[in-house]
Amino acid sequence: MKQLVFVSVLAFLFQDLKAQTEQDTTTVFKFDEFYALVLSNHPVVKQAELLPQQAAQEIRLARGSFDPKLEGSWSFKDFDETEYYNILDVSLKIPLWFPVDPKVGVERNRGTYLNRERTISDATNNRQIYAGVSVPIGQGLFIDQRRATVRQARLMQDMAEADQIKEINKILLTAAKDYWEWYYAYNNYVLMQQSITIAQDIYDRTKMAFDYGEAAAMDTVQARITLLQRITALQQANIDRIRASLALSVHLWDLNGAPLDLEDNVRPEELPLTDFRRDVLNQLVELARQNHPEIRKIDLKNRSLLVDRDLARENLKPRLDFNYYLLDQPFDPQGEQNNFMISDNYKLGVDFAFPIFLRKERAKLNQTRLKLTDNRFERDFVEREIINSINGQFNAVLTTAEILRQQQEMVNNYQLILDAERLNLENGESDLFEINVQIEKLIESQSKLLKLRSTYQKDIATLYWAAGIENLGLQ
């Protein structure tokens, strides 16, 4: 009787542990689907997508320095019923990328006590048209603050794109880890459910055998202890499953920005083991050297500092601006055409300034040089740190894959041992204690296998994150 009871127990056991339930009504929530959902709807991802737009506005802001400017001034004085002066000057200034500032305007000056240099002939109704340019001959010829600001704003846009990749990769890494943590928690919970079903059946059949006098009282106590242990393990696994589900739900949002909950009828995907060749490491290292967000930001910062250096060198030159304006040429305010003569009817001026000691300018140049040196040291360190991180993580992936294969072999071997125990039971050479020990080892090895699968997928995500691959290499 005892032998028949345990043979039926083992038959049920093998059917339950070797195969998934055929009446599974759950829906598979694939990792790619989860990834696409995070990438399209997650608030932090959308927030990161604003960075290039903000940088584009910085460029627009910098280019505003080259916008045409309409200027005007009016000064009037009347005292004791006498118009002392009435001075009006309206002009249009058009800054260009090249160091030339064209300017065209009209003056109207009149009054009893008008300064003689401002006096304009009554023949043109006291009005005069002027048009000319201001050209820097010394400082500002090759670069000035306006052009430097635009160049740096363009670099900021590239920096914003690097920041965007960095922020999105960061949230994707967290999401990937949470998904595979949920994978382990969910499947471990299913495993504990199967184990408690087996323990309950063993306990019920052992008790029945005891009632028929075919099993000792201690066998029922042992079966009861095993059942209670499995119930406790199931309760803990359920807590872990709920926590993992809640952590995963943080990353789920719909198109309208409303949070989504993870349904109870969904389960994670089972991904096959990916083989990584050693040449993949060299590819990842090379990609990181060229495109890693942190390295790109440092390189772009270096280019921005080079612009500062060029500007600082330019400021060492004396300021020498040449101004030339034609007066009433080729048309006067009345619209009449005049002969075009460069040597007649014009205004000419030169502005000059030069600090004697150049302490401010030399200090600025030296500061920029020090920043460039500091930036070079930082790049060397960051690149070395990133490459070491990639090497370490790549080795972790390979090692975990090897451990995973070994653990799978252990599960298979434990299954073989359990097969042998079944034969021993049929021959009357096994007992409840031995069966429970082997079942416990099999369940423990299966749980470790699930944990290793989860760790392996998290290691892969961390590897691509360490290499700075956009979107962690997922499409």
Protein backbone atom coordinates (compact mmCIF):
# COMPACT_ATOMS: atom_id res chain seq x y z
CA MET A 1 0.00 0.00 0.00
CA LYS A 2 2.76 2.43 0.98
CA GLN A 3 4.65 1.73 -2.23
CA LEU A 4 1.58 2.30 -4.40
CA VAL A 5 0.86 5.62 -2.65
CA PHE A 6 4.31 7.05 -3.33
CA VAL A 7 4.46 5.76 -6.88
CA SER A 8 1.29 7.74 -7.59
CA VAL A 9 2.80 10.75 -5.80
CA LEU A 10 5.91 10.65 -7.98
CA ALA A 11 3.82 10.25 -11.12
CA PHE A 12 1.95 13.44 -10.23
CA LEU A 13 5.21 15.14 -9.24
CA PHE A 14 6.92 14.47 -12.56
CA GLN A 15 3.92 15.66 -14.50
CA ASP A 16 3.88 18.93 -12.53
CA LEU A 17 7.58 19.80 -12.43
CA LYS A 18 8.60 18.80 -15.93
CA ALA A 19 6.02 20.82 -17.93
CA GLN A 20 4.15 24.08 -17.74
CA THR A 21 0.41 23.97 -17.19
CA GLU A 22 -1.33 23.34 -20.46
CA GLN A 23 -4.40 25.37 -19.46
CA ASP A 24 -2.36 28.57 -19.08
CA THR A 25 -4.71 31.48 -19.81
CA THR A 26 -2.16 34.24 -19.17
CA THR A 27 -0.89 36.66 -21.83
CA VAL A 28 2.82 37.08 -22.49
CA PHE A 29 4.03 40.67 -21.96
CA LYS A 30 7.06 40.66 -24.25
CA PHE A 31 10.14 42.61 -23.33
CA ASP A 32 10.20 44.41 -26.70
CA GLU A 33 6.61 45.53 -26.16
CA PHE A 34 7.47 46.78 -22.70
CA TYR A 35 10.54 48.55 -24.04
CA ALA A 36 8.56 50.26 -26.82
CA LEU A 37 5.94 51.37 -24.30
CA VAL A 38 8.57 52.91 -22.04
CA LEU A 39 10.35 54.60 -24.94
CA SER A 40 7.18 56.18 -26.31
CA ASN A 41 5.19 57.12 -23.19
CA HIS A 42 7.45 57.36 -20.14
CA PRO A 43 7.41 60.93 -18.71
CA VAL A 44 11.17 60.97 -18.09
CA VAL A 45 11.80 59.94 -21.71
CA LYS A 46 9.50 62.72 -22.91
CA GLN A 47 11.30 65.10 -20.58
CA ALA A 48 14.65 64.09 -22.06
CA GLU A 49 13.26 64.69 -25.56
CA LEU A 50 12.81 68.36 -24.62
CA LEU A 51 16.57 68.87 -24.25
CA PRO A 52 17.32 69.27 -28.00
CA GLN A 53 14.38 71.66 -28.29
CA GLN A 54 15.77 73.77 -25.46
CA ALA A 55 19.17 73.78 -27.16
CA ALA A 56 17.55 74.86 -30.44
CA GLN A 57 16.09 77.86 -28.63
CA GLU A 58 19.57 78.68 -27.32
CA ILE A 59 20.79 78.81 -30.93
CA ARG A 60 17.86 81.01 -31.84
CA LEU A 61 18.70 83.24 -28.90
CA ALA A 62 22.34 83.53 -30.00
CA ARG A 63 21.37 84.28 -33.58
CA GLY A 64 19.25 87.14 -32.28
CA SER A 65 22.48 89.14 -32.05
CA PHE A 66 22.49 89.21 -35.86
CA ASP A 67 18.92 90.42 -36.24
CA PRO A 68 18.49 93.73 -38.12
CA LYS A 69 17.89 96.53 -35.66
CA LEU A 70 15.81 99.63 -36.21
CA GLU A 71 17.09 102.49 -34.07
CA GLY A 72 15.92 106.01 -33.54
CA SER A 73 16.54 108.99 -31.33
CA TRP A 74 14.80 112.37 -31.02
CA SER A 75 15.97 115.30 -29.00
CA PHE A 76 14.03 118.59 -28.79
CA LYS A 77 14.45 121.77 -26.77
CA ASP A 78 12.09 124.77 -26.66
CA PHE A 79 12.71 127.66 -24.30
CA ASP A 80 11.20 131.12 -24.14
CA GLU A 81 9.24 130.47 -27.31
CA THR A 82 12.45 129.63 -29.13
CA GLU A 83 13.23 126.25 -30.70
CA TYR A 84 16.77 125.68 -29.61
CA TYR A 85 17.15 122.38 -31.49
CA ASN A 86 15.13 119.57 -32.95
CA ILE A 87 17.29 116.53 -33.73
CA LEU A 88 15.95 113.31 -35.23
CA ASP A 89 18.04 110.29 -36.25
CA VAL A 90 16.47 107.07 -37.54
CA SER A 91 18.62 104.19 -38.82
CA LEU A 92 18.57 100.51 -39.76
CA LYS A 93 21.54 98.41 -38.70
CA ILE A 94 22.09 95.01 -40.30
CA PRO A 95 24.72 92.89 -38.47
CA LEU A 96 26.41 90.27 -40.65
CA TRP A 97 28.37 87.11 -39.82
CA PHE A 98 31.40 88.71 -41.42
CA PRO A 99 32.92 91.57 -39.41
CA VAL A 100 30.97 94.24 -41.28
CA ASP A 101 28.00 96.14 -39.88
CA PRO A 102 26.10 97.98 -42.63
CA LYS A 103 23.97 100.89 -41.49
CA VAL A 104 21.59 103.17 -43.32
CA GLY A 105 19.66 106.07 -41.82
CA VAL A 106 18.25 109.55 -42.12
CA GLU A 107 18.86 112.65 -40.00
CA ARG A 108 16.70 115.75 -39.64
CA ASN A 109 18.30 118.53 -37.64
CA ARG A 110 17.07 122.10 -37.18
CA GLY A 111 16.89 124.80 -34.56
CA THR A 112 18.12 128.28 -33.72
CA TYR A 113 21.00 127.12 -31.55
CA LEU A 114 21.81 123.87 -33.36
CA ASN A 115 25.41 122.77 -33.15
CA ARG A 116 27.13 123.72 -36.41
CA GLU A 117 28.38 120.18 -37.01
CA ARG A 118 24.77 118.99 -37.04
CA THR A 119 23.57 121.68 -39.42
CA ILE A 120 21.92 120.38 -42.59
CA SER A 121 21.01 122.50 -45.62
CA ASP A 122 17.49 123.92 -45.91
CA ALA A 123 17.48 122.73 -49.53
CA THR A 124 16.74 119.20 -48.33
CA ASN A 125 14.34 120.33 -45.59
CA ASN A 126 17.10 119.87 -43.02
CA ARG A 127 17.31 116.16 -43.80
CA GLN A 128 20.23 114.01 -44.80
CA ILE A 129 20.55 110.36 -45.79
CA TYR A 130 23.60 108.36 -44.82
CA ALA A 131 24.70 104.79 -45.57
CA GLY A 132 27.91 103.05 -44.67
CA VAL A 133 29.71 100.37 -42.76
CA SER A 134 31.72 99.83 -39.61
CA VAL A 135 34.63 97.41 -40.05
CA PRO A 136 36.91 96.11 -37.26
CA ILE A 137 40.48 96.12 -38.48
CA GLY A 138 42.04 94.88 -35.25
CA GLN A 139 40.10 93.13 -32.51
CA GLY A 140 36.97 91.37 -33.79
CA LEU A 141 38.19 90.81 -37.34
CA PHE A 142 38.31 87.00 -37.10
CA ILE A 143 35.96 86.36 -34.16
CA ASP A 144 33.89 88.38 -31.75
CA GLN A 145 31.47 87.71 -28.91
CA ARG A 146 28.45 87.39 -31.21
CA ARG A 147 30.01 84.77 -33.46
CA ALA A 148 31.50 82.92 -30.48
CA THR A 149 28.07 82.73 -28.82
CA VAL A 150 26.47 81.25 -31.94
CA ARG A 151 29.23 78.64 -32.31
CA GLN A 152 28.92 77.62 -28.69
CA ALA A 153 25.12 77.46 -28.95
CA ARG A 154 25.48 74.99 -31.83
CA LEU A 155 27.78 72.89 -29.67
CA MET A 156 25.22 73.06 -26.87
CA GLN A 157 22.67 71.46 -29.20
CA ASP A 158 25.01 68.50 -29.71
CA MET A 159 25.55 68.36 -25.95
CA ALA A 160 21.79 68.29 -25.45
CA GLU A 161 21.52 65.31 -27.80
CA ALA A 162 24.22 63.51 -25.78
CA ASP A 163 22.35 64.37 -22.56
CA GLN A 164 19.16 63.04 -24.12
CA ILE A 165 20.78 59.69 -24.89
CA LYS A 166 22.24 59.56 -21.40
CA GLU A 167 18.93 60.27 -19.64
CA ILE A 168 16.92 57.87 -21.83
CA ASN A 169 19.50 55.10 -21.38
CA LYS A 170 19.37 55.64 -17.64
CA ILE A 171 15.61 55.18 -17.42
CA LEU A 172 15.71 52.26 -19.88
CA LEU A 173 18.33 50.50 -17.76
CA THR A 174 16.17 50.88 -14.66
CA ALA A 175 13.12 49.67 -16.58
CA ALA A 176 14.98 46.65 -17.99
CA LYS A 177 16.22 45.64 -14.55
CA ASP A 178 12.71 45.98 -13.13
CA TYR A 179 11.29 43.83 -15.95
CA TRP A 180 13.74 41.00 -15.36
CA GLU A 181 13.30 41.29 -11.62
CA TRP A 182 9.58 40.84 -12.27
CA TYR A 183 10.43 37.88 -14.51
CA TYR A 184 12.19 36.15 -11.63
CA ALA A 185 9.56 37.05 -9.02
CA TYR A 186 6.68 35.90 -11.21
CA ASN A 187 8.21 32.59 -12.27
CA ASN A 188 9.50 31.88 -8.79
CA TYR A 189 5.97 32.40 -7.49
CA VAL A 190 4.64 29.94 -10.08
CA LEU A 191 7.35 27.47 -9.04
CA MET A 192 6.37 27.84 -5.38
CA GLN A 193 2.74 27.24 -6.31
CA GLN A 194 3.72 24.00 -8.02
CA SER A 195 5.85 22.97 -5.07
CA ILE A 196 3.07 23.59 -2.55
CA THR A 197 0.66 21.55 -4.67
CA ILE A 198 3.12 18.68 -4.60
CA ALA A 199 3.75 19.06 -0.85
CA GLN A 200 0.01 19.10 -0.17
CA ASP A 201 -0.54 15.97 -2.23
CA ILE A 202 2.34 14.17 -0.50
CA TYR A 203 0.95 15.14 2.88
CA ASP A 204 -2.58 13.98 2.00
CA ARG A 205 -1.37 10.64 0.61
CA THR A 206 1.02 10.11 3.54
CA LYS A 207 -1.81 10.74 5.98
CA MET A 208 -3.98 8.28 4.07
CA ALA A 209 -1.17 5.73 4.23
CA PHE A 210 -0.89 6.35 7.99
CA ASP A 211 -4.61 5.77 8.39
CA TYR A 212 -4.19 2.40 6.66
CA GLY A 213 -1.24 1.59 8.89
CA GLU A 214 1.23 1.69 6.01
CA ALA A 215 3.17 4.80 7.15
CA ALA A 216 4.69 5.87 10.44
CA ALA A 217 3.40 8.85 12.41
CA MET A 218 6.73 10.62 11.94
CA ASP A 219 6.22 10.41 8.16
CA THR A 220 3.09 12.52 8.47
CA VAL A 221 4.92 14.98 10.74
CA GLN A 222 7.74 15.28 8.18
CA ALA A 223 5.24 15.76 5.36
CA ARG A 224 3.42 18.41 7.39
CA ILE A 225 6.66 20.29 8.11
CA THR A 226 7.53 20.26 4.41
CA LEU A 227 4.07 21.57 3.53
CA LEU A 228 4.37 24.43 6.04
CA GLN A 229 7.81 25.31 4.69
CA ARG A 230 6.41 25.47 1.17
CA ILE A 231 3.47 27.62 2.31
CA THR A 232 5.90 30.07 3.92
CA ALA A 233 8.04 30.13 0.79
CA LEU A 234 4.94 30.76 -1.33
CA GLN A 235 3.86 33.66 0.85
CA GLN A 236 7.30 35.27 0.59
CA ALA A 237 7.35 34.67 -3.17
CA ASN A 238 3.95 36.33 -3.46
CA ILE A 239 5.24 39.39 -1.58
CA ASP A 240 8.22 39.58 -3.94
CA ARG A 241 5.92 39.18 -6.97
CA ILE A 242 3.65 42.01 -5.86
CA ARG A 243 6.59 44.31 -5.16
CA ALA A 244 8.15 43.53 -8.53
CA SER A 245 4.82 44.14 -10.29
CA LEU A 246 4.43 47.52 -8.60
CA ALA A 247 8.00 48.49 -9.48
CA LEU A 248 7.36 47.56 -13.11
CA SER A 249 4.09 49.51 -13.19
CA VAL A 250 6.02 52.71 -12.49
CA HIS A 251 7.30 52.54 -16.08
CA LEU A 252 3.89 51.93 -17.71
CA TRP A 253 2.04 54.95 -19.15
CA ASP A 254 -0.47 55.41 -21.92
CA LEU A 255 -0.36 57.91 -24.81
CA ASN A 256 -2.24 60.50 -22.76
CA GLY A 257 0.25 60.39 -19.90
CA ALA A 258 -1.98 58.38 -17.56
CA PRO A 259 -0.31 55.65 -15.46
CA LEU A 260 -1.09 52.02 -16.27
CA ASP A 261 -1.29 49.05 -13.92
CA LEU A 262 0.18 45.64 -14.62
CA GLU A 263 -2.67 43.18 -15.04
CA ASP A 264 -2.65 39.91 -13.10
CA ASN A 265 -3.22 37.84 -16.25
CA VAL A 266 0.09 38.79 -17.90
CA ARG A 267 3.40 37.03 -17.53
CA PRO A 268 6.96 37.87 -18.60
CA GLU A 269 8.70 36.60 -21.70
CA GLU A 270 11.28 33.83 -21.74
CA LEU A 271 14.28 34.93 -23.84
CA PRO A 272 16.87 32.46 -25.17
CA LEU A 273 20.47 32.59 -24.05
CA THR A 274 22.50 34.97 -26.25
CA ASP A 275 26.06 34.00 -27.14
CA PHE A 276 28.57 36.87 -27.06
CA ARG A 277 31.80 36.50 -29.00
CA ARG A 278 35.01 38.15 -27.86
CA ASP A 279 35.11 40.43 -30.89
CA VAL A 280 31.89 42.07 -29.63
CA LEU A 281 33.95 43.56 -26.81
CA ASN A 282 36.23 45.42 -29.25
CA GLN A 283 33.20 46.73 -31.12
CA LEU A 284 31.60 48.03 -27.93
CA VAL A 285 34.83 49.69 -26.81
CA GLU A 286 35.26 51.41 -30.18
CA LEU A 287 31.65 52.59 -30.22
CA ALA A 288 32.07 53.93 -26.69
CA ARG A 289 35.20 55.88 -27.65
CA GLN A 290 33.32 57.53 -30.51
CA ASN A 291 29.76 57.92 -29.29
CA HIS A 292 29.52 57.48 -25.53
CA PRO A 293 27.44 60.42 -24.19
CA GLU A 294 29.95 61.28 -21.48
CA ILE A 295 32.89 61.29 -23.89
CA ARG A 296 30.90 63.24 -26.49
CA LYS A 297 30.04 65.88 -23.90
CA ILE A 298 33.69 66.25 -22.90
CA ASP A 299 34.75 66.53 -26.56
CA LEU A 300 32.07 69.14 -27.23
CA LYS A 301 33.11 71.02 -24.10
CA ASN A 302 36.65 71.01 -25.44
CA ARG A 303 35.47 72.54 -28.72
CA SER A 304 33.56 75.19 -26.79
CA LEU A 305 36.69 76.01 -24.80
CA LEU A 306 38.62 76.32 -28.07
CA VAL A 307 36.13 78.99 -29.13
CA ASP A 308 36.76 80.77 -25.81
CA ARG A 309 40.49 80.51 -26.42
CA ASP A 310 40.20 81.99 -29.91
CA LEU A 311 38.10 84.83 -28.53
CA ALA A 312 40.59 85.44 -25.72
CA ARG A 313 43.44 85.60 -28.24
CA GLU A 314 41.45 88.01 -30.37
CA ASN A 315 40.93 90.27 -27.36
CA LEU A 316 44.71 90.68 -27.03
CA LYS A 317 44.62 92.80 -30.18
CA PRO A 318 43.96 96.55 -30.05
CA ARG A 319 40.43 97.63 -30.90
CA LEU A 320 40.54 99.53 -34.17
CA ASP A 321 37.22 100.13 -35.94
CA PHE A 322 36.96 101.92 -39.26
CA ASN A 323 33.69 103.78 -39.97
CA TYR A 324 32.75 105.16 -43.37
CA TYR A 325 29.37 106.68 -44.37
CA LEU A 326 28.23 108.24 -47.64
CA LEU A 327 26.04 111.33 -47.33
CA ASP A 328 23.09 111.85 -49.69
CA GLN A 329 24.54 109.32 -52.11
CA PRO A 330 23.36 108.12 -54.55
CA PHE A 331 20.03 109.73 -53.57
CA ASP A 332 19.18 112.71 -51.42
CA PRO A 333 16.11 112.98 -49.15
CA GLN A 334 14.16 114.57 -52.04
CA GLY A 335 14.68 111.42 -54.12
CA GLU A 336 16.99 113.16 -56.59
CA GLN A 337 19.93 111.15 -57.88
CA ASN A 338 23.44 112.41 -57.18
CA ASN A 339 26.79 111.48 -58.55
CA PHE A 340 28.46 108.67 -56.62
CA MET A 341 31.74 109.95 -55.20
CA ILE A 342 33.71 108.17 -52.51
CA SER A 343 36.01 111.15 -51.93
CA ASP A 344 33.21 113.68 -51.45
CA ASN A 345 30.14 113.93 -49.20
CA TYR A 346 31.11 111.35 -46.63
CA LYS A 347 31.80 110.80 -42.93
CA LEU A 348 34.95 108.98 -41.85
CA GLY A 349 35.98 107.88 -38.39
CA VAL A 350 38.34 105.57 -36.52
CA ASP A 351 37.78 104.19 -33.01
CA PHE A 352 40.83 102.95 -31.13
CA ALA A 353 41.27 101.37 -27.70
CA PHE A 354 44.05 99.28 -26.19
CA PRO A 355 44.63 98.33 -22.54
CA ILE A 356 48.25 98.97 -21.69
CA PHE A 357 48.88 96.01 -19.39
CA LEU A 358 46.33 93.54 -20.84
CA ARG A 359 46.03 91.87 -17.45
CA LYS A 360 42.35 91.04 -17.88
CA GLU A 361 42.85 89.67 -21.38
CA ARG A 362 45.95 87.64 -20.54
CA ALA A 363 44.28 86.21 -17.43
CA LYS A 364 41.27 85.18 -19.48
CA LEU A 365 43.49 83.43 -22.03
CA ASN A 366 45.45 81.60 -19.34
CA GLN A 367 42.24 80.54 -17.62
CA THR A 368 40.97 79.06 -20.86
CA ARG A 369 44.23 77.19 -21.41
CA LEU A 370 44.01 75.72 -17.91
CA LYS A 371 40.42 74.66 -18.55
CA LEU A 372 41.51 72.94 -21.76
CA THR A 373 44.22 71.06 -19.90
CA ASP A 374 41.78 70.10 -17.16
CA ASN A 375 39.27 68.93 -19.76
CA ARG A 376 41.93 66.76 -21.44
CA PHE A 377 42.78 65.09 -18.12
CA GLU A 378 39.08 64.52 -17.45
CA ARG A 379 38.60 62.92 -20.86
CA ASP A 380 41.50 60.53 -20.34
CA PHE A 381 40.12 59.48 -16.97
CA VAL A 382 36.51 59.11 -18.12
CA GLU A 383 37.52 57.11 -21.20
CA ARG A 384 39.64 54.77 -19.09
CA GLU A 385 36.82 54.41 -16.58
CA ILE A 386 34.26 53.63 -19.30
CA ILE A 387 36.49 51.08 -21.04
CA ASN A 388 37.22 49.33 -17.74
CA SER A 389 33.50 49.29 -16.98
CA ILE A 390 32.75 47.73 -20.37
CA ASN A 391 35.46 45.08 -19.88
CA GLY A 392 34.22 44.24 -16.42
CA GLN A 393 30.58 44.07 -17.47
CA PHE A 394 31.40 42.01 -20.56
CA ASN A 395 33.23 39.47 -18.43
CA ALA A 396 30.26 39.45 -16.06
CA VAL A 397 27.95 38.61 -18.97
CA LEU A 398 30.18 35.76 -20.15
CA THR A 399 30.62 34.42 -16.61
CA THR A 400 26.90 34.57 -15.86
CA ALA A 401 26.16 32.78 -19.14
CA GLU A 402 28.57 30.01 -18.19
CA ILE A 403 27.10 29.73 -14.68
CA LEU A 404 23.64 29.67 -16.26
CA ARG A 405 24.59 26.70 -18.43
CA GLN A 406 26.05 24.92 -15.41
CA GLN A 407 22.90 25.61 -13.40
CA GLN A 408 20.75 24.23 -16.22
CA GLU A 409 22.88 21.10 -16.17
CA MET A 410 22.41 20.88 -12.39
CA VAL A 411 18.64 21.08 -12.80
CA ASN A 412 18.77 18.30 -15.38
CA ASN A 413 20.92 16.19 -13.07
CA TYR A 414 18.60 16.73 -10.12
CA GLN A 415 15.78 15.59 -12.37
CA LEU A 416 17.74 12.44 -13.17
CA ILE A 417 18.27 11.79 -9.47
CA LEU A 418 14.56 12.20 -8.91
CA ASP A 419 13.94 9.71 -11.71
CA ALA A 420 16.24 7.29 -9.93
CA GLU A 421 14.37 7.82 -6.65
CA ARG A 422 11.16 6.93 -8.46
CA LEU A 423 12.66 3.64 -9.57
CA ASN A 424 13.95 3.03 -6.04
CA LEU A 425 10.48 3.69 -4.70
CA GLU A 426 8.98 1.20 -7.11
CA ASN A 427 11.52 -1.34 -5.88
CA GLY A 428 10.82 -0.51 -2.24
CA GLU A 429 14.28 1.01 -1.69
CA SER A 430 13.32 4.65 -0.99
CA ASP A 431 11.36 6.56 1.62
CA LEU A 432 9.60 9.89 2.16
CA PHE A 433 12.69 11.61 3.56
CA GLU A 434 14.80 10.86 0.51
CA ILE A 435 12.03 11.94 -1.83
CA ASN A 436 11.53 15.27 -0.03
CA VAL A 437 15.25 15.96 -0.02
CA GLN A 438 15.50 15.46 -3.79
CA ILE A 439 12.36 17.46 -4.47
CA GLU A 440 13.68 20.30 -2.32
CA LYS A 441 17.01 20.31 -4.17
CA LEU A 442 15.25 20.31 -7.53
CA ILE A 443 13.01 23.23 -6.59
CA GLU A 444 15.95 25.17 -5.16
CA SER A 445 18.02 24.60 -8.30
CA GLN A 446 15.10 25.67 -10.50
CA SER A 447 14.69 28.85 -8.47
CA LYS A 448 18.41 29.60 -8.82
CA LEU A 449 18.13 28.99 -12.56
CA LEU A 450 15.34 31.57 -12.78
CA LYS A 451 17.43 34.03 -10.78
CA LEU A 452 20.43 33.51 -13.08
CA ARG A 453 18.29 34.08 -16.17
CA SER A 454 17.10 37.33 -14.67
CA THR A 455 20.65 38.35 -13.74
CA TYR A 456 21.93 37.49 -17.21
CA GLN A 457 19.41 39.75 -18.96
CA LYS A 458 20.13 42.57 -16.50
CA ASP A 459 23.86 42.15 -17.15
CA ILE A 460 23.29 42.52 -20.89
CA ALA A 461 21.30 45.73 -20.38
CA THR A 462 24.03 47.05 -18.07
CA LEU A 463 26.69 46.20 -20.66
CA TYR A 464 25.02 48.30 -23.36
CA TRP A 465 24.43 51.08 -20.85
CA ALA A 466 28.14 51.05 -19.89
CA ALA A 467 29.05 51.32 -23.59
CA GLY A 468 26.65 54.26 -24.01
CA ILE A 469 24.79 52.56 -26.88
CA GLU A 470 21.72 54.59 -27.80
CA ASN A 471 18.53 53.01 -26.41
CA LEU A 472 20.68 50.20 -24.95
CA GLY A 473 21.06 48.65 -28.39
CA LEU A 474 17.32 47.96 -28.69
CA GLN A 475 15.23 49.16 -31.62
